[in-house]
Protein backbone atom coordinates (compact mmCIF):
# COMPACT_ATOMS: atom_id res chain seq x y z
CA UNK A 1 25.43 -76.63 3.38
CA UNK A 2 22.77 -75.23 5.71
CA UNK A 3 20.49 -72.31 5.00
CA UNK A 4 22.33 -70.20 7.57
CA UNK A 5 25.69 -70.97 5.98
CA UNK A 6 24.27 -69.76 2.65
CA UNK A 7 22.95 -66.60 4.29
CA UNK A 8 26.28 -65.88 5.95
CA UNK A 9 28.16 -66.38 2.70
CA UNK A 10 25.81 -64.11 0.76
CA UNK A 11 25.65 -61.28 3.31
CA UNK A 12 28.82 -60.30 5.12
CA UNK A 13 27.12 -57.48 7.04
CA UNK A 14 25.22 -59.69 9.50
CA UNK A 15 26.12 -58.75 13.08
CA UNK A 16 23.48 -60.66 14.99
CA UNK A 17 20.79 -63.34 14.76
CA UNK A 18 17.63 -63.71 16.82
CA UNK A 19 16.51 -67.30 16.32
CA UNK A 20 12.89 -68.42 16.60
CA UNK A 21 13.95 -71.08 19.11
CA UNK A 22 17.08 -72.45 20.77
CA UNK A 23 17.45 -75.38 18.39
CA UNK A 24 17.71 -72.93 15.51
CA UNK A 25 20.13 -70.79 17.53
CA UNK A 26 22.37 -73.81 18.13
CA UNK A 27 22.35 -74.53 14.39
CA UNK A 28 23.28 -70.91 13.73
CA UNK A 29 26.24 -71.29 16.10
CA UNK A 30 27.47 -74.23 14.03
CA UNK A 31 27.13 -72.24 10.81
CA UNK A 32 28.96 -69.28 12.33
CA UNK A 33 31.77 -71.53 13.56
CA UNK A 34 32.38 -72.58 9.96
CA UNK A 35 32.89 -68.93 8.95
CA UNK A 36 34.97 -67.71 11.88
CA UNK A 37 32.87 -64.53 12.05
CA UNK A 38 31.89 -62.77 15.28
CA UNK A 39 28.09 -62.78 15.12
CA UNK A 40 25.91 -62.41 18.21
CA UNK A 41 23.19 -65.05 18.65
CA UNK A 42 20.04 -64.95 20.80
CA UNK A 43 17.73 -67.94 21.11
CA UNK A 44 14.29 -68.49 22.59
CA UNK A 45 13.13 -71.19 25.03
CA UNK A 46 16.06 -71.39 27.49
CA UNK A 47 16.78 -75.07 26.82
CA UNK A 48 19.62 -76.60 28.85
CA UNK A 49 21.92 -76.69 25.81
CA UNK A 50 21.28 -73.03 25.01
CA UNK A 51 21.76 -71.92 28.62
CA UNK A 52 25.09 -73.77 28.62
CA UNK A 53 26.09 -71.93 25.42
CA UNK A 54 25.17 -68.62 27.08
CA UNK A 55 27.21 -69.52 30.17
CA UNK A 56 30.12 -70.47 27.91
CA UNK A 57 29.89 -67.14 26.09
CA UNK A 58 29.03 -68.58 22.66
CA UNK A 59 25.46 -67.19 22.70
CA UNK A 60 24.71 -63.80 24.19
CA UNK A 61 21.25 -64.72 25.46
CA UNK A 62 18.20 -66.93 25.39
CA UNK A 63 14.66 -66.08 26.46
CA UNK A 64 12.84 -68.18 29.05
CA UNK A 65 9.07 -68.38 28.85
CA UNK A 66 7.01 -68.79 32.01
CA UNK A 67 4.67 -71.72 31.26
CA UNK A 68 3.19 -71.74 34.77
CA UNK A 69 2.32 -68.05 34.47
CA UNK A 70 0.93 -68.63 30.97
CA UNK A 71 -1.31 -71.40 32.28
CA UNK A 72 -2.42 -69.38 35.28
CA UNK A 73 -3.24 -66.40 33.06
CA UNK A 74 -5.22 -68.63 30.68
CA UNK A 75 -7.27 -70.21 33.46
CA UNK A 76 -8.01 -66.91 35.19
CA UNK A 77 -9.01 -65.41 31.83
CA UNK A 78 -11.31 -68.36 31.09
CA UNK A 79 -12.96 -67.93 34.49
CA UNK A 80 -13.51 -64.24 33.79
CA UNK A 81 -15.00 -65.03 30.37
CA UNK A 82 -17.33 -67.67 31.84
CA UNK A 83 -18.47 -65.07 34.38
CA UNK A 84 -19.37 -62.79 31.47
CA UNK A 85 -16.57 -60.30 32.05
CA UNK A 86 -14.70 -58.63 29.25
CA UNK A 87 -11.00 -59.35 28.93
CA UNK A 88 -8.17 -57.68 27.09
CA UNK A 89 -7.62 -58.84 23.52
CA UNK A 90 -3.93 -59.42 24.25
CA UNK A 91 -2.57 -60.70 27.55
CA UNK A 92 1.23 -60.61 27.42
CA UNK A 93 3.03 -62.86 29.87
CA UNK A 94 6.40 -61.88 31.29
CA UNK A 95 9.48 -63.66 29.95
CA UNK A 96 13.02 -63.70 31.32
CA UNK A 97 16.18 -62.83 29.43
CA UNK A 98 18.97 -65.27 30.34
CA UNK A 99 22.45 -63.77 29.88
CA UNK A 100 25.92 -64.63 31.09
């Protein structure tokens, strides 16, 4: 029995799960299937398998990171630091919510 199966058996009030990544979200889907409950699942990473589950209606969403934008932001920030400029402590990078 998986951890998620144990959680679902011990708490019948769960309506949704936000998984740390898509692999975990796919495992959650398997655990939910064993219970027959209607629980919404959102993953993170937008892997091909997760996007297919979203398209098929088994997951409600996955979140796609923007690695090119992350890299560009990092390089531009490094250049600013080298030039002696101050930069923000936190530099959030846009992500994209993938839904059906």
